[in-house]
Amino acid sequence: MWKNTAVEIFGFLLITLAIIFYLGWAIKYNAWFDVGLFSFVTPILIFGILGVILARLNEKGVQ
């Protein structure tokens, strides 16, 4: 149980980090559509979403 909870919490942290980093960078540099910013934030966001999904699937017993 703790393993799934830790993975889910880490996933939510990654999602939060990606959103905060994107908003912070975009506000500071006024670069809302920067390709470099997208290339940094997108993998972090995807790993966070996948972490949450996998933790919830594993919690239900789906393998």
PDB file of N, CA and C in Angstrom:
ATOM      1  N   MET A   1       0.811  -1.195   0.000  1.00  0.00           N
ATOM      2  CA  MET A   1       0.000   0.000   0.000  1.00  0.00           C
ATOM      3  C   MET A   1       0.856   1.263   0.000  1.00  0.00           C
ATOM      4  N   TRP A   2       1.892   1.295   0.835  1.00  0.00           N
ATOM      5  CA  TRP A   2       2.722   2.497   0.903  1.00  0.00           C
ATOM      6  C   TRP A   2       3.458   2.749  -0.399  1.00  0.00           C
ATOM      7  N   LYS A   3       3.818   1.670  -1.078  1.00  0.00           N
ATOM      8  CA  LYS A   3       4.541   1.836  -2.333  1.00  0.00           C
ATOM      9  C   LYS A   3       3.670   2.554  -3.357  1.00  0.00           C
ATOM     10  N   ASN A   4       2.416   2.150  -3.472  1.00  0.00           N
ATOM     11  CA  ASN A   4       1.504   2.806  -4.411  1.00  0.00           C
ATOM     12  C   ASN A   4       1.241   4.249  -4.009  1.00  0.00           C
ATOM     13  N   THR A   5       1.099   4.484  -2.721  1.00  0.00           N
ATOM     14  CA  THR A   5       0.855   5.839  -2.249  1.00  0.00           C
ATOM     15  C   THR A   5       2.051   6.731  -2.531  1.00  0.00           C
ATOM     16  N   ALA A   6       3.252   6.218  -2.319  1.00  0.00           N
ATOM     17  CA  ALA A   6       4.460   7.000  -2.580  1.00  0.00           C
ATOM     18  C   ALA A   6       4.589   7.330  -4.063  1.00  0.00           C
ATOM     19  N   VAL A   7       4.285   6.378  -4.910  1.00  0.00           N
ATOM     20  CA  VAL A   7       4.355   6.615  -6.359  1.00  0.00           C
ATOM     21  C   VAL A   7       3.318   7.646  -6.772  1.00  0.00           C
ATOM     22  N   GLU A   8       2.133   7.546  -6.207  1.00  0.00           N
ATOM     23  CA  GLU A   8       1.076   8.497  -6.546  1.00  0.00           C
ATOM     24  C   GLU A   8       1.428   9.905  -6.060  1.00  0.00           C
ATOM     25  N   ILE A   9       1.956  10.012  -4.860  1.00  0.00           N
ATOM     26  CA  ILE A   9       2.371  11.317  -4.339  1.00  0.00           C
ATOM     27  C   ILE A   9       3.489  11.898  -5.192  1.00  0.00           C
ATOM     28  N   PHE A  10       4.457  11.061  -5.579  1.00  0.00           N
ATOM     29  CA  PHE A  10       5.544  11.529  -6.432  1.00  0.00           C
ATOM     30  C   PHE A  10       5.008  11.987  -7.786  1.00  0.00           C
ATOM     31  N   GLY A  11       4.017  11.283  -8.308  1.00  0.00           N
ATOM     32  CA  GLY A  11       3.391  11.691  -9.567  1.00  0.00           C
ATOM     33  C   GLY A  11       2.725  13.051  -9.448  1.00  0.00           C
ATOM     34  N   PHE A  12       1.993  13.258  -8.352  1.00  0.00           N
ATOM     35  CA  PHE A  12       1.356  14.559  -8.146  1.00  0.00           C
ATOM     36  C   PHE A  12       2.395  15.664  -7.956  1.00  0.00           C
ATOM     37  N   LEU A  13       3.507  15.340  -7.301  1.00  0.00           N
ATOM     38  CA  LEU A  13       4.583  16.322  -7.155  1.00  0.00           C
ATOM     39  C   LEU A  13       5.176  16.700  -8.507  1.00  0.00           C
ATOM     40  N   LEU A  14       5.356  15.714  -9.381  1.00  0.00           N
ATOM     41  CA  LEU A  14       5.879  16.009 -10.714  1.00  0.00           C
ATOM     42  C   LEU A  14       4.908  16.878 -11.512  1.00  0.00           C
ATOM     43  N   ILE A  15       3.630  16.568 -11.426  1.00  0.00           N
ATOM     44  CA  ILE A  15       2.626  17.372 -12.129  1.00  0.00           C
ATOM     45  C   ILE A  15       2.641  18.808 -11.607  1.00  0.00           C
ATOM     46  N   THR A  16       2.674  18.955 -10.294  1.00  0.00           N
ATOM     47  CA  THR A  16       2.702  20.284  -9.685  1.00  0.00           C
ATOM     48  C   THR A  16       3.967  21.038 -10.067  1.00  0.00           C
ATOM     49  N   LEU A  17       5.101  20.345 -10.039  1.00  0.00           N
ATOM     50  CA  LEU A  17       6.372  20.966 -10.416  1.00  0.00           C
ATOM     51  C   LEU A  17       6.338  21.452 -11.857  1.00  0.00           C
ATOM     52  N   ALA A  18       5.800  20.644 -12.751  1.00  0.00           N
ATOM     53  CA  ALA A  18       5.735  21.024 -14.164  1.00  0.00           C
ATOM     54  C   ALA A  18       4.862  22.261 -14.359  1.00  0.00           C
ATOM     55  N   ILE A  19       3.725  22.301 -13.699  1.00  0.00           N
ATOM     56  CA  ILE A  19       2.820  23.445 -13.852  1.00  0.00           C
ATOM     57  C   ILE A  19       3.439  24.712 -13.270  1.00  0.00           C
ATOM     58  N   ILE A  20       4.028  24.603 -12.082  1.00  0.00           N
ATOM     59  CA  ILE A  20       4.644  25.769 -11.449  1.00  0.00           C
ATOM     60  C   ILE A  20       5.832  26.265 -12.266  1.00  0.00           C
ATOM     61  N   PHE A  21       6.659  25.338 -12.758  1.00  0.00           N
ATOM     62  CA  PHE A  21       7.809  25.741 -13.562  1.00  0.00           C
ATOM     63  C   PHE A  21       7.362  26.423 -14.848  1.00  0.00           C
ATOM     64  N   TYR A  22       6.354  25.856 -15.515  1.00  0.00           N
ATOM     65  CA  TYR A  22       5.859  26.449 -16.761  1.00  0.00           C
ATOM     66  C   TYR A  22       5.321  27.856 -16.517  1.00  0.00           C
ATOM     67  N   LEU A  23       4.474  27.998 -15.521  1.00  0.00           N
ATOM     68  CA  LEU A  23       3.897  29.311 -15.238  1.00  0.00           C
ATOM     69  C   LEU A  23       4.960  30.315 -14.804  1.00  0.00           C
ATOM     70  N   GLY A  24       5.878  29.881 -13.952  1.00  0.00           N
ATOM     71  CA  GLY A  24       6.936  30.777 -13.491  1.00  0.00           C
ATOM     72  C   GLY A  24       7.822  31.257 -14.623  1.00  0.00           C
ATOM     73  N   TRP A  25       8.244  30.330 -15.474  1.00  0.00           N
ATOM     74  CA  TRP A  25       9.111  30.680 -16.602  1.00  0.00           C
ATOM     75  C   TRP A  25       8.366  31.578 -17.592  1.00  0.00           C
ATOM     76  N   ALA A  26       7.131  31.233 -17.885  1.00  0.00           N
ATOM     77  CA  ALA A  26       6.358  32.002 -18.861  1.00  0.00           C
ATOM     78  C   ALA A  26       6.073  33.416 -18.365  1.00  0.00           C
ATOM     79  N   ILE A  27       5.792  33.562 -17.092  1.00  0.00           N
ATOM     80  CA  ILE A  27       5.534  34.892 -16.544  1.00  0.00           C
ATOM     81  C   ILE A  27       6.818  35.716 -16.502  1.00  0.00           C
ATOM     82  N   LYS A  28       7.917  35.091 -16.063  1.00  0.00           N
ATOM     83  CA  LYS A  28       9.175  35.836 -15.935  1.00  0.00           C
ATOM     84  C   LYS A  28       9.711  36.291 -17.282  1.00  0.00           C
ATOM     85  N   TYR A  29       9.692  35.408 -18.288  1.00  0.00           N
ATOM     86  CA  TYR A  29      10.297  35.722 -19.578  1.00  0.00           C
ATOM     87  C   TYR A  29       9.271  36.037 -20.670  1.00  0.00           C
ATOM     88  N   ASN A  30       7.994  36.063 -20.333  1.00  0.00           N
ATOM     89  CA  ASN A  30       6.921  36.317 -21.291  1.00  0.00           C
ATOM     90  C   ASN A  30       7.071  35.427 -22.525  1.00  0.00           C
ATOM     91  N   ALA A  31       7.298  34.150 -22.273  1.00  0.00           N
ATOM     92  CA  ALA A  31       7.492  33.177 -23.352  1.00  0.00           C
ATOM     93  C   ALA A  31       6.499  32.039 -23.163  1.00  0.00           C
ATOM     94  N   TRP A  32       5.265  32.266 -23.554  1.00  0.00           N
ATOM     95  CA  TRP A  32       4.218  31.280 -23.328  1.00  0.00           C
ATOM     96  C   TRP A  32       4.277  30.125 -24.314  1.00  0.00           C
ATOM     97  N   PHE A  33       4.891  30.329 -25.475  1.00  0.00           N
ATOM     98  CA  PHE A  33       4.947  29.287 -26.501  1.00  0.00           C
ATOM     99  C   PHE A  33       6.389  28.983 -26.875  1.00  0.00           C
ATOM    100  N   ASP A  34       7.239  28.794 -25.876  1.00  0.00           N
ATOM    101  CA  ASP A  34       8.657  28.522 -26.097  1.00  0.00           C
ATOM    102  C   ASP A  34       8.865  27.015 -26.256  1.00  0.00           C
ATOM    103  N   VAL A  35       9.502  26.609 -27.348  1.00  0.00           N
ATOM    104  CA  VAL A  35       9.717  25.185 -27.622  1.00  0.00           C
ATOM    105  C   VAL A  35      10.627  24.561 -26.566  1.00  0.00           C
ATOM    106  N   GLY A  36      11.630  25.278 -26.130  1.00  0.00           N
ATOM    107  CA  GLY A  36      12.520  24.765 -25.088  1.00  0.00           C
ATOM    108  C   GLY A  36      11.793  24.523 -23.779  1.00  0.00           C
ATOM    109  N   LEU A  37      10.890  25.411 -23.457  1.00  0.00           N
ATOM    110  CA  LEU A  37      10.083  25.254 -22.248  1.00  0.00           C
ATOM    111  C   LEU A  37       9.176  24.034 -22.362  1.00  0.00           C
ATOM    112  N   PHE A  38       8.551  23.870 -23.532  1.00  0.00           N
ATOM    113  CA  PHE A  38       7.713  22.691 -23.755  1.00  0.00           C
ATOM    114  C   PHE A  38       8.527  21.406 -23.655  1.00  0.00           C
ATOM    115  N   SER A  39       9.737  21.407 -24.220  1.00  0.00           N
ATOM    116  CA  SER A  39      10.543  20.188 -24.221  1.00  0.00           C
ATOM    117  C   SER A  39      11.019  19.818 -22.821  1.00  0.00           C
ATOM    118  N   PHE A  40      11.071  20.773 -21.915  1.00  0.00           N
ATOM    119  CA  PHE A  40      11.454  20.477 -20.534  1.00  0.00           C
ATOM    120  C   PHE A  40      10.250  20.064 -19.689  1.00  0.00           C
ATOM    121  N   VAL A  41       9.136  20.743 -19.872  1.00  0.00           N
ATOM    122  CA  VAL A  41       7.963  20.525 -19.023  1.00  0.00           C
ATOM    123  C   VAL A  41       7.180  19.277 -19.429  1.00  0.00           C
ATOM    124  N   THR A  42       7.101  18.989 -20.724  1.00  0.00           N
ATOM    125  CA  THR A  42       6.278  17.879 -21.205  1.00  0.00           C
ATOM    126  C   THR A  42       6.680  16.524 -20.622  1.00  0.00           C
ATOM    127  N   PRO A  43       7.965  16.134 -20.630  1.00  0.00           N
ATOM    128  CA  PRO A  43       8.305  14.829 -20.025  1.00  0.00           C
ATOM    129  C   PRO A  43       8.008  14.764 -18.531  1.00  0.00           C
ATOM    130  N   ILE A  44       8.232  15.858 -17.819  1.00  0.00           N
ATOM    131  CA  ILE A  44       7.936  15.869 -16.386  1.00  0.00           C
ATOM    132  C   ILE A  44       6.439  15.668 -16.163  1.00  0.00           C
ATOM    133  N   LEU A  45       5.640  16.352 -16.949  1.00  0.00           N
ATOM    134  CA  LEU A  45       4.188  16.230 -16.832  1.00  0.00           C
ATOM    135  C   LEU A  45       3.716  14.824 -17.203  1.00  0.00           C
ATOM    136  N   ILE A  46       4.267  14.260 -18.261  1.00  0.00           N
ATOM    137  CA  ILE A  46       3.871  12.913 -18.693  1.00  0.00           C
ATOM    138  C   ILE A  46       4.251  11.868 -17.648  1.00  0.00           C
ATOM    139  N   PHE A  47       5.473  11.957 -17.098  1.00  0.00           N
ATOM    140  CA  PHE A  47       5.875  11.003 -16.058  1.00  0.00           C
ATOM    141  C   PHE A  47       4.996  11.136 -14.822  1.00  0.00           C
ATOM    142  N   GLY A  48       4.596  12.343 -14.487  1.00  0.00           N
ATOM    143  CA  GLY A  48       3.704  12.535 -13.348  1.00  0.00           C
ATOM    144  C   GLY A  48       2.340  11.910 -13.579  1.00  0.00           C
ATOM    145  N   ILE A  49       1.783  12.140 -14.750  1.00  0.00           N
ATOM    146  CA  ILE A  49       0.470  11.564 -15.082  1.00  0.00           C
ATOM    147  C   ILE A  49       0.542  10.043 -15.121  1.00  0.00           C
ATOM    148  N   LEU A  50       1.581   9.506 -15.753  1.00  0.00           N
ATOM    149  CA  LEU A  50       1.731   8.045 -15.810  1.00  0.00           C
ATOM    150  C   LEU A  50       1.942   7.447 -14.423  1.00  0.00           C
ATOM    151  N   GLY A  51       2.671   8.138 -13.565  1.00  0.00           N
ATOM    152  CA  GLY A  51       2.867   7.654 -12.202  1.00  0.00           C
ATOM    153  C   GLY A  51       1.562   7.536 -11.444  1.00  0.00           C
ATOM    154  N   VAL A  52       0.722   8.540 -11.573  1.00  0.00           N
ATOM    155  CA  VAL A  52      -0.578   8.511 -10.895  1.00  0.00           C
ATOM    156  C   VAL A  52      -1.452   7.402 -11.471  1.00  0.00           C
ATOM    157  N   ILE A  53      -1.483   7.284 -12.788  1.00  0.00           N
ATOM    158  CA  ILE A  53      -2.306   6.244 -13.427  1.00  0.00           C
ATOM    159  C   ILE A  53      -1.833   4.853 -13.023  1.00  0.00           C
ATOM    160  N   LEU A  54      -0.530   4.616 -13.084  1.00  0.00           N
ATOM    161  CA  LEU A  54      -0.008   3.293 -12.734  1.00  0.00           C
ATOM    162  C   LEU A  54      -0.224   2.963 -11.265  1.00  0.00           C
ATOM    163  N   ALA A  55      -0.096   3.938 -10.383  1.00  0.00           N
ATOM    164  CA  ALA A  55      -0.334   3.690  -8.962  1.00  0.00           C
ATOM    165  C   ALA A  55      -1.792   3.316  -8.715  1.00  0.00           C
ATOM    166  N   ARG A  56      -2.692   3.984  -9.394  1.00  0.00           N
ATOM    167  CA  ARG A  56      -4.117   3.677  -9.199  1.00  0.00           C
ATOM    168  C   ARG A  56      -4.501   2.342  -9.822  1.00  0.00           C
ATOM    169  N   LEU A  57      -3.904   2.012 -10.968  1.00  0.00           N
ATOM    170  CA  LEU A  57      -4.179   0.704 -11.568  1.00  0.00           C
ATOM    171  C   LEU A  57      -3.626  -0.420 -10.702  1.00  0.00           C
ATOM    172  N   ASN A  58      -2.441  -0.225 -10.165  1.00  0.00           N
ATOM    173  CA  ASN A  58      -1.823  -1.236  -9.314  1.00  0.00           C
ATOM    174  C   ASN A  58      -2.603  -1.388  -8.008  1.00  0.00           C
ATOM    175  N   GLU A  59      -3.193  -0.311  -7.543  1.00  0.00           N
ATOM    176  CA  GLU A  59      -3.994  -0.359  -6.322  1.00  0.00           C
ATOM    177  C   GLU A  59      -5.246  -1.213  -6.519  1.00  0.00           C
ATOM    178  N   LYS A  60      -5.797  -1.190  -7.725  1.00  0.00           N
ATOM    179  CA  LYS A  60      -6.991  -1.979  -8.027  1.00  0.00           C
ATOM    180  C   LYS A  60      -6.656  -3.433  -8.321  1.00  0.00           C
ATOM    181  N   GLY A  61      -5.387  -3.744  -8.488  1.00  0.00           N
ATOM    182  CA  GLY A  61      -4.992  -5.113  -8.754  1.00  0.00           C
ATOM    183  C   GLY A  61      -4.796  -5.431 -10.216  1.00  0.00           C
ATOM    184  N   VAL A  62      -4.896  -4.454 -11.082  1.00  0.00           N
ATOM    185  CA  VAL A  62      -4.677  -4.666 -12.512  1.00  0.00           C
ATOM    186  C   VAL A  62      -3.180  -4.685 -12.768  1.00  0.00           C
ATOM    187  N   GLN A  63      -2.733  -5.702 -13.520  1.00  0.00           N
ATOM    188  CA  GLN A  63      -1.291  -5.788 -13.774  1.00  0.00           C
ATOM    189  C   GLN A  63      -0.995  -5.763 -15.231  1.00  0.00           C
TER     190      GLN A  63
END
